[in-house]
Amino acid sequence: MRIGIIGAGAMAAALGRGWAAAGHEVRIGARSADAARALAAEINGHAATVGAAIAFADAVLLAVPVSALTELLGAHGDDLAGKVVIDCTNAFLPDESAPDGVPAFVLSENAVAERIATAAPKAHVVKAFNLLAAEVWAGTDRVFDGVRLAVPICGDDATSVQKVARLAEDLALQPFTAGGLHRARYLEATSVFTVGLWFGGLDARAMLPPLSAAFAVADA
């Protein structure tokens, strides 16, 4: 698959390196041409302008700060028409109400993926890869406590969701569909909550039992 990655930070590097190693053609576009060239050389990809990376791609990964999205979409929203657009962003802010010394976060925006879809209405926006830090995607560990690490995916276009699922599989991850794009806001909220727990030294995985022990009974 031809993948255009917009951004040259840690998430762009982690996912781009994995996809390039899996045999995909990767082009990096960023506001800094030097940063794009450096990352492309590092991951065995190719550098391009943002517009050229989008034009080249079948799938576009938006790996930029949320604060950069308005300018990016204003300039290139129309260019994304017909593309699979993977949104891995999170709109985190420090939680100023947290006690001193306690790391915690809140969302500065409740539905980033939906805003991207509104700004680029002809694109096929898919939310994925936002729950974990880039360092996890860059690592080699994929199985924890006997269970393969999963990637929930939200999107309205079934074909696009399937393409992103295959890209997750190419990184040795277990994809699962988590509903339409309107549910992406729950992925964003889950990320801000669990990351805050991890930063606080708490094991977010301990909140939930394995599937074999999970149950729910409807109220009578």
C-alpha atoms as a PDB file:
ATOM      1  CA  MET A   1       0.000   0.000   0.000  1.00  0.00           C
ATOM      2  CA  ARG A   2       1.170   3.560  -0.622  1.00  0.00           C
ATOM      3  CA  ILE A   3       1.156   5.420   2.690  1.00  0.00           C
ATOM      4  CA  GLY A   4       1.597   9.147   3.154  1.00  0.00           C
ATOM      5  CA  ILE A   5       2.575  10.161   6.662  1.00  0.00           C
ATOM      6  CA  ILE A   6       1.992  13.761   7.639  1.00  0.00           C
ATOM      7  CA  GLY A   7       4.335  14.637  10.472  1.00  0.00           C
ATOM      8  CA  ALA A   8       7.851  13.666  11.457  1.00  0.00           C
ATOM      9  CA  GLY A   9       7.576  13.025  15.186  1.00  0.00           C
ATOM     10  CA  ALA A  10       7.647   9.909  17.321  1.00  0.00           C
ATOM     11  CA  MET A  11       4.317   8.484  16.127  1.00  0.00           C
ATOM     12  CA  ALA A  12       5.194   9.049  12.470  1.00  0.00           C
ATOM     13  CA  ALA A  13       8.526   7.317  13.042  1.00  0.00           C
ATOM     14  CA  ALA A  14       7.110   4.344  14.949  1.00  0.00           C
ATOM     15  CA  LEU A  15       4.292   3.506  12.550  1.00  0.00           C
ATOM     16  CA  GLY A  16       6.180   4.514   9.417  1.00  0.00           C
ATOM     17  CA  ARG A  17       9.170   2.346  10.262  1.00  0.00           C
ATOM     18  CA  GLY A  18       6.943  -0.672  10.840  1.00  0.00           C
ATOM     19  CA  TRP A  19       5.028  -0.202   7.612  1.00  0.00           C
ATOM     20  CA  ALA A  20       8.153   0.370   5.561  1.00  0.00           C
ATOM     21  CA  ALA A  21       9.659  -2.811   7.009  1.00  0.00           C
ATOM     22  CA  ALA A  22       6.459  -4.659   6.040  1.00  0.00           C
ATOM     23  CA  GLY A  23       6.970  -3.649   2.419  1.00  0.00           C
ATOM     24  CA  HIS A  24       4.701  -0.630   2.103  1.00  0.00           C
ATOM     25  CA  GLU A  25       5.791   2.463   0.183  1.00  0.00           C
ATOM     26  CA  VAL A  26       6.019   5.323   2.689  1.00  0.00           C
ATOM     27  CA  ARG A  27       6.368   9.027   1.979  1.00  0.00           C
ATOM     28  CA  ILE A  28       6.877  11.565   4.747  1.00  0.00           C
ATOM     29  CA  GLY A  29       5.490  15.088   4.470  1.00  0.00           C
ATOM     30  CA  ALA A  30       6.052  17.654   7.177  1.00  0.00           C
ATOM     31  CA  ARG A  31       6.179  21.408   7.678  1.00  0.00           C
ATOM     32  CA  SER A  32       9.945  21.050   8.085  1.00  0.00           C
ATOM     33  CA  ALA A  33      11.497  19.639   4.936  1.00  0.00           C
ATOM     34  CA  ASP A  34      14.654  18.812   6.882  1.00  0.00           C
ATOM     35  CA  ALA A  35      12.681  16.793   9.437  1.00  0.00           C
ATOM     36  CA  ALA A  36      10.856  14.936   6.654  1.00  0.00           C
ATOM     37  CA  ARG A  37      14.141  14.065   4.930  1.00  0.00           C
ATOM     38  CA  ALA A  38      15.744  12.914   8.184  1.00  0.00           C
ATOM     39  CA  LEU A  39      12.842  10.647   9.101  1.00  0.00           C
ATOM     40  CA  ALA A  40      12.540   9.266   5.564  1.00  0.00           C
ATOM     41  CA  ALA A  41      16.216   8.327   5.595  1.00  0.00           C
ATOM     42  CA  GLU A  42      15.850   6.739   9.041  1.00  0.00           C
ATOM     43  CA  ILE A  43      12.906   4.492   8.146  1.00  0.00           C
ATOM     44  CA  ASN A  44      13.770   3.728   4.511  1.00  0.00           C
ATOM     45  CA  GLY A  45      11.002   5.945   3.141  1.00  0.00           C
ATOM     46  CA  HIS A  46      10.936   9.012   0.910  1.00  0.00           C
ATOM     47  CA  ALA A  47      10.503  12.667   1.783  1.00  0.00           C
ATOM     48  CA  ALA A  48       7.948  14.877   0.055  1.00  0.00           C
ATOM     49  CA  THR A  49       5.957  18.013   0.569  1.00  0.00           C
ATOM     50  CA  VAL A  50       2.742  17.555   2.526  1.00  0.00           C
ATOM     51  CA  GLY A  51       0.671  17.917  -0.638  1.00  0.00           C
ATOM     52  CA  ALA A  52       2.826  15.456  -2.574  1.00  0.00           C
ATOM     53  CA  ALA A  53       2.708  12.884   0.234  1.00  0.00           C
ATOM     54  CA  ILE A  54      -1.086  13.084   0.241  1.00  0.00           C
ATOM     55  CA  ALA A  55      -1.350  12.881  -3.553  1.00  0.00           C
ATOM     56  CA  PHE A  56       0.918   9.816  -3.603  1.00  0.00           C
ATOM     57  CA  ALA A  57      -0.949   7.898  -0.925  1.00  0.00           C
ATOM     58  CA  ASP A  58      -3.764   5.400  -0.774  1.00  0.00           C
ATOM     59  CA  ALA A  59      -3.815   5.897   3.006  1.00  0.00           C
ATOM     60  CA  VAL A  60      -2.744   9.020   4.883  1.00  0.00           C
ATOM     61  CA  LEU A  61      -1.656   8.988   8.522  1.00  0.00           C
ATOM     62  CA  LEU A  62      -2.205  12.282  10.332  1.00  0.00           C
ATOM     63  CA  ALA A  63       0.573  12.276  12.927  1.00  0.00           C
ATOM     64  CA  VAL A  64       0.652  15.956  13.839  1.00  0.00           C
ATOM     65  CA  PRO A  65      -0.294  17.811  17.015  1.00  0.00           C
ATOM     66  CA  VAL A  66      -4.000  18.555  17.265  1.00  0.00           C
ATOM     67  CA  SER A  67      -3.083  22.239  17.332  1.00  0.00           C
ATOM     68  CA  ALA A  68      -1.765  21.888  13.768  1.00  0.00           C
ATOM     69  CA  LEU A  69      -4.886  20.263  12.327  1.00  0.00           C
ATOM     70  CA  THR A  70      -6.843  23.435  11.531  1.00  0.00           C
ATOM     71  CA  GLU A  71      -4.067  24.807   9.325  1.00  0.00           C
ATOM     72  CA  LEU A  72      -3.363  21.408   7.754  1.00  0.00           C
ATOM     73  CA  LEU A  73      -6.992  20.681   6.927  1.00  0.00           C
ATOM     74  CA  GLY A  74      -7.570  24.204   5.686  1.00  0.00           C
ATOM     75  CA  ALA A  75      -4.738  23.816   3.212  1.00  0.00           C
ATOM     76  CA  HIS A  76      -5.224  20.162   2.250  1.00  0.00           C
ATOM     77  CA  GLY A  77      -8.748  19.075   3.207  1.00  0.00           C
ATOM     78  CA  ASP A  78      -9.801  18.843  -0.423  1.00  0.00           C
ATOM     79  CA  ASP A  79      -6.661  16.875  -1.289  1.00  0.00           C
ATOM     80  CA  LEU A  80      -7.782  14.125   1.116  1.00  0.00           C
ATOM     81  CA  ALA A  81     -10.887  13.317  -0.951  1.00  0.00           C
ATOM     82  CA  GLY A  82     -11.137   9.594  -1.570  1.00  0.00           C
ATOM     83  CA  LYS A  83      -8.208   8.790   0.726  1.00  0.00           C
ATOM     84  CA  VAL A  84      -8.215   6.575   3.792  1.00  0.00           C
ATOM     85  CA  VAL A  85      -7.248   9.051   6.509  1.00  0.00           C
ATOM     86  CA  ILE A  86      -5.925   7.487   9.711  1.00  0.00           C
ATOM     87  CA  ASP A  87      -6.295   9.742  12.738  1.00  0.00           C
ATOM     88  CA  CYS A  88      -3.974   8.743  15.581  1.00  0.00           C
ATOM     89  CA  THR A  89      -4.116  12.088  17.360  1.00  0.00           C
ATOM     90  CA  ASN A  90      -5.125  12.934  20.917  1.00  0.00           C
ATOM     91  CA  ALA A  91      -6.103  16.317  22.312  1.00  0.00           C
ATOM     92  CA  PHE A  92      -4.445  16.169  25.727  1.00  0.00           C
ATOM     93  CA  LEU A  93      -4.082  18.982  28.239  1.00  0.00           C
ATOM     94  CA  PRO A  94      -2.793  18.808  31.815  1.00  0.00           C
ATOM     95  CA  ASP A  95      -5.586  18.483  34.361  1.00  0.00           C
ATOM     96  CA  GLU A  96      -5.085  21.643  36.410  1.00  0.00           C
ATOM     97  CA  SER A  97      -7.498  20.407  39.074  1.00  0.00           C
ATOM     98  CA  ALA A  98      -5.302  17.399  39.897  1.00  0.00           C
ATOM     99  CA  PRO A  99      -3.444  17.549  43.237  1.00  0.00           C
ATOM    100  CA  ASP A 100       0.108  18.843  43.124  1.00  0.00           C
ATOM    101  CA  GLY A 101       2.514  16.213  41.878  1.00  0.00           C
ATOM    102  CA  VAL A 102      -0.218  13.993  40.381  1.00  0.00           C
ATOM    103  CA  PRO A 103       0.078  13.688  36.585  1.00  0.00           C
ATOM    104  CA  ALA A 104      -3.346  13.712  34.968  1.00  0.00           C
ATOM    105  CA  PHE A 105      -4.853  14.882  31.715  1.00  0.00           C
ATOM    106  CA  VAL A 106      -8.124  16.111  30.235  1.00  0.00           C
ATOM    107  CA  LEU A 107      -9.263  16.473  26.654  1.00  0.00           C
ATOM    108  CA  SER A 108      -9.004  19.904  25.074  1.00  0.00           C
ATOM    109  CA  GLU A 109     -11.432  18.682  22.412  1.00  0.00           C
ATOM    110  CA  ASN A 110     -13.988  15.904  22.662  1.00  0.00           C
ATOM    111  CA  ALA A 111     -14.158  14.585  19.106  1.00  0.00           C
ATOM    112  CA  VAL A 112     -11.072  15.238  16.995  1.00  0.00           C
ATOM    113  CA  ALA A 113     -11.781  12.515  14.439  1.00  0.00           C
ATOM    114  CA  GLU A 114     -15.252  13.893  13.781  1.00  0.00           C
ATOM    115  CA  ARG A 115     -13.799  17.372  13.239  1.00  0.00           C
ATOM    116  CA  ILE A 116     -11.356  15.958  10.702  1.00  0.00           C
ATOM    117  CA  ALA A 117     -14.241  14.249   8.886  1.00  0.00           C
ATOM    118  CA  THR A 118     -16.192  17.518   8.828  1.00  0.00           C
ATOM    119  CA  ALA A 119     -13.215  19.441   7.447  1.00  0.00           C
ATOM    120  CA  ALA A 120     -12.488  16.741   4.836  1.00  0.00           C
ATOM    121  CA  PRO A 121     -15.984  15.389   4.081  1.00  0.00           C
ATOM    122  CA  LYS A 122     -14.902  13.327   1.066  1.00  0.00           C
ATOM    123  CA  ALA A 123     -12.168  11.507   2.962  1.00  0.00           C
ATOM    124  CA  HIS A 124     -12.673   8.158   4.708  1.00  0.00           C
ATOM    125  CA  VAL A 125     -11.570   9.007   8.238  1.00  0.00           C
ATOM    126  CA  VAL A 126     -10.593   6.116  10.515  1.00  0.00           C
ATOM    127  CA  LYS A 127      -9.561   6.459  14.155  1.00  0.00           C
ATOM    128  CA  ALA A 128      -6.789   4.056  15.184  1.00  0.00           C
ATOM    129  CA  PHE A 129      -3.437   3.808  16.986  1.00  0.00           C
ATOM    130  CA  ASN A 130      -4.324   6.573  19.462  1.00  0.00           C
ATOM    131  CA  LEU A 131      -4.582   4.577  22.692  1.00  0.00           C
ATOM    132  CA  LEU A 132      -0.866   3.975  23.259  1.00  0.00           C
ATOM    133  CA  ALA A 133       2.325   5.976  23.086  1.00  0.00           C
ATOM    134  CA  ALA A 134       4.585   5.813  20.060  1.00  0.00           C
ATOM    135  CA  GLU A 135       7.170   3.953  22.114  1.00  0.00           C
ATOM    136  CA  VAL A 136       4.797   0.977  22.370  1.00  0.00           C
ATOM    137  CA  TRP A 137       4.244   0.829  18.610  1.00  0.00           C
ATOM    138  CA  ALA A 138       7.994   1.190  18.087  1.00  0.00           C
ATOM    139  CA  GLY A 139       8.777  -1.723  20.413  1.00  0.00           C
ATOM    140  CA  THR A 140       8.891  -5.388  19.555  1.00  0.00           C
ATOM    141  CA  ASP A 141       6.647  -6.707  22.337  1.00  0.00           C
ATOM    142  CA  ARG A 142       3.212  -7.586  20.997  1.00  0.00           C
ATOM    143  CA  VAL A 143       1.931 -10.248  23.403  1.00  0.00           C
ATOM    144  CA  PHE A 144       1.224  -9.414  27.053  1.00  0.00           C
ATOM    145  CA  ASP A 145      -0.084 -11.977  29.539  1.00  0.00           C
ATOM    146  CA  GLY A 146      -0.658 -14.341  26.633  1.00  0.00           C
ATOM    147  CA  VAL A 147      -2.861 -11.906  24.686  1.00  0.00           C
ATOM    148  CA  ARG A 148      -1.836 -10.098  21.516  1.00  0.00           C
ATOM    149  CA  LEU A 149      -1.953  -6.322  21.772  1.00  0.00           C
ATOM    150  CA  ALA A 150      -5.123  -5.033  20.122  1.00  0.00           C
ATOM    151  CA  VAL A 151      -5.925  -1.914  18.113  1.00  0.00           C
ATOM    152  CA  PRO A 152      -9.553  -0.742  18.215  1.00  0.00           C
ATOM    153  CA  ILE A 153     -10.614   0.927  14.973  1.00  0.00           C
ATOM    154  CA  CYS A 154     -13.550   3.274  14.408  1.00  0.00           C
ATOM    155  CA  GLY A 155     -14.777   4.334  10.976  1.00  0.00           C
ATOM    156  CA  ASP A 156     -17.864   4.609   8.800  1.00  0.00           C
ATOM    157  CA  ASP A 157     -16.474   3.134   5.568  1.00  0.00           C
ATOM    158  CA  ALA A 158     -16.100  -0.645   5.907  1.00  0.00           C
ATOM    159  CA  THR A 159     -13.489  -0.950   3.164  1.00  0.00           C
ATOM    160  CA  SER A 160     -11.316   1.726   4.771  1.00  0.00           C
ATOM    161  CA  VAL A 161     -11.634   0.100   8.177  1.00  0.00           C
ATOM    162  CA  GLN A 162     -10.500  -3.199   6.636  1.00  0.00           C
ATOM    163  CA  LYS A 163      -7.466  -1.519   5.073  1.00  0.00           C
ATOM    164  CA  VAL A 164      -6.447  -0.022   8.412  1.00  0.00           C
ATOM    165  CA  ALA A 165      -6.995  -3.402  10.056  1.00  0.00           C
ATOM    166  CA  ARG A 166      -4.545  -4.952   7.591  1.00  0.00           C
ATOM    167  CA  LEU A 167      -2.034  -2.228   8.399  1.00  0.00           C
ATOM    168  CA  ALA A 168      -2.396  -3.106  12.085  1.00  0.00           C
ATOM    169  CA  GLU A 169      -1.808  -6.772  11.277  1.00  0.00           C
ATOM    170  CA  ASP A 170       1.342  -5.796   9.379  1.00  0.00           C
ATOM    171  CA  LEU A 171       2.648  -4.458  12.703  1.00  0.00           C
ATOM    172  CA  ALA A 172       1.865  -7.824  14.377  1.00  0.00           C
ATOM    173  CA  LEU A 173      -1.095  -6.255  16.197  1.00  0.00           C
ATOM    174  CA  GLN A 174      -4.642  -7.581  16.606  1.00  0.00           C
ATOM    175  CA  PRO A 175      -7.196  -5.196  15.065  1.00  0.00           C
ATOM    176  CA  PHE A 176     -10.824  -5.129  16.023  1.00  0.00           C
ATOM    177  CA  THR A 177     -13.602  -2.924  14.747  1.00  0.00           C
ATOM    178  CA  ALA A 178     -15.145  -0.728  17.412  1.00  0.00           C
ATOM    179  CA  GLY A 179     -18.019   0.909  15.547  1.00  0.00           C
ATOM    180  CA  GLY A 180     -18.607   3.977  13.435  1.00  0.00           C
ATOM    181  CA  LEU A 181     -16.630   7.187  13.555  1.00  0.00           C
ATOM    182  CA  HIS A 182     -19.102   8.660  16.048  1.00  0.00           C
ATOM    183  CA  ARG A 183     -17.604   6.219  18.576  1.00  0.00           C
ATOM    184  CA  ALA A 184     -14.068   7.536  18.049  1.00  0.00           C
ATOM    185  CA  ARG A 185     -14.675  10.124  20.756  1.00  0.00           C
ATOM    186  CA  TYR A 186     -14.827   7.247  23.238  1.00  0.00           C
ATOM    187  CA  LEU A 187     -11.417   6.034  22.081  1.00  0.00           C
ATOM    188  CA  GLU A 188     -10.104   9.550  22.613  1.00  0.00           C
ATOM    189  CA  ALA A 189     -11.622   9.697  26.105  1.00  0.00           C
ATOM    190  CA  THR A 190     -10.290   6.225  26.935  1.00  0.00           C
ATOM    191  CA  SER A 191      -6.812   7.332  25.927  1.00  0.00           C
ATOM    192  CA  VAL A 192      -6.774  10.462  28.066  1.00  0.00           C
ATOM    193  CA  PHE A 193      -8.017   8.479  31.076  1.00  0.00           C
ATOM    194  CA  THR A 194      -5.718   5.479  30.822  1.00  0.00           C
ATOM    195  CA  VAL A 195      -2.607   7.469  29.912  1.00  0.00           C
ATOM    196  CA  GLY A 196      -3.194   9.569  32.998  1.00  0.00           C
ATOM    197  CA  LEU A 197      -3.325   6.417  35.098  1.00  0.00           C
ATOM    198  CA  TRP A 198      -0.112   5.091  33.576  1.00  0.00           C
ATOM    199  CA  PHE A 199       1.679   8.387  34.162  1.00  0.00           C
ATOM    200  CA  GLY A 200       0.521   8.149  37.758  1.00  0.00           C
ATOM    201  CA  GLY A 201       2.103   4.712  38.114  1.00  0.00           C
ATOM    202  CA  LEU A 202      -1.215   2.838  38.100  1.00  0.00           C
ATOM    203  CA  ASP A 203      -1.893  -0.285  36.028  1.00  0.00           C
ATOM    204  CA  ALA A 204      -4.793   0.614  33.751  1.00  0.00           C
ATOM    205  CA  ARG A 205      -5.007  -3.002  32.554  1.00  0.00           C
ATOM    206  CA  ALA A 206      -5.995  -4.083  36.046  1.00  0.00           C
ATOM    207  CA  MET A 207      -9.366  -2.308  35.694  1.00  0.00           C
ATOM    208  CA  LEU A 208     -10.827  -4.937  33.376  1.00  0.00           C
ATOM    209  CA  PRO A 209     -11.050  -8.717  33.600  1.00  0.00           C
ATOM    210  CA  PRO A 210     -10.257 -10.905  30.586  1.00  0.00           C
ATOM    211  CA  LEU A 211     -13.082 -11.650  28.190  1.00  0.00           C
ATOM    212  CA  SER A 212     -13.581 -15.087  29.729  1.00  0.00           C
ATOM    213  CA  ALA A 213     -14.505 -13.473  33.043  1.00  0.00           C
ATOM    214  CA  ALA A 214     -16.459 -10.495  31.704  1.00  0.00           C
ATOM    215  CA  PHE A 215     -20.235 -10.576  31.775  1.00  0.00           C
ATOM    216  CA  ALA A 216     -23.252  -8.326  31.852  1.00  0.00           C
ATOM    217  CA  VAL A 217     -26.846  -9.175  32.644  1.00  0.00           C
ATOM    218  CA  ALA A 218     -29.628  -6.866  31.560  1.00  0.00           C
ATOM    219  CA  ASP A 219     -31.777  -5.470  34.348  1.00  0.00           C
ATOM    220  CA  ALA A 220     -35.206  -7.069  34.586  1.00  0.00           C
END
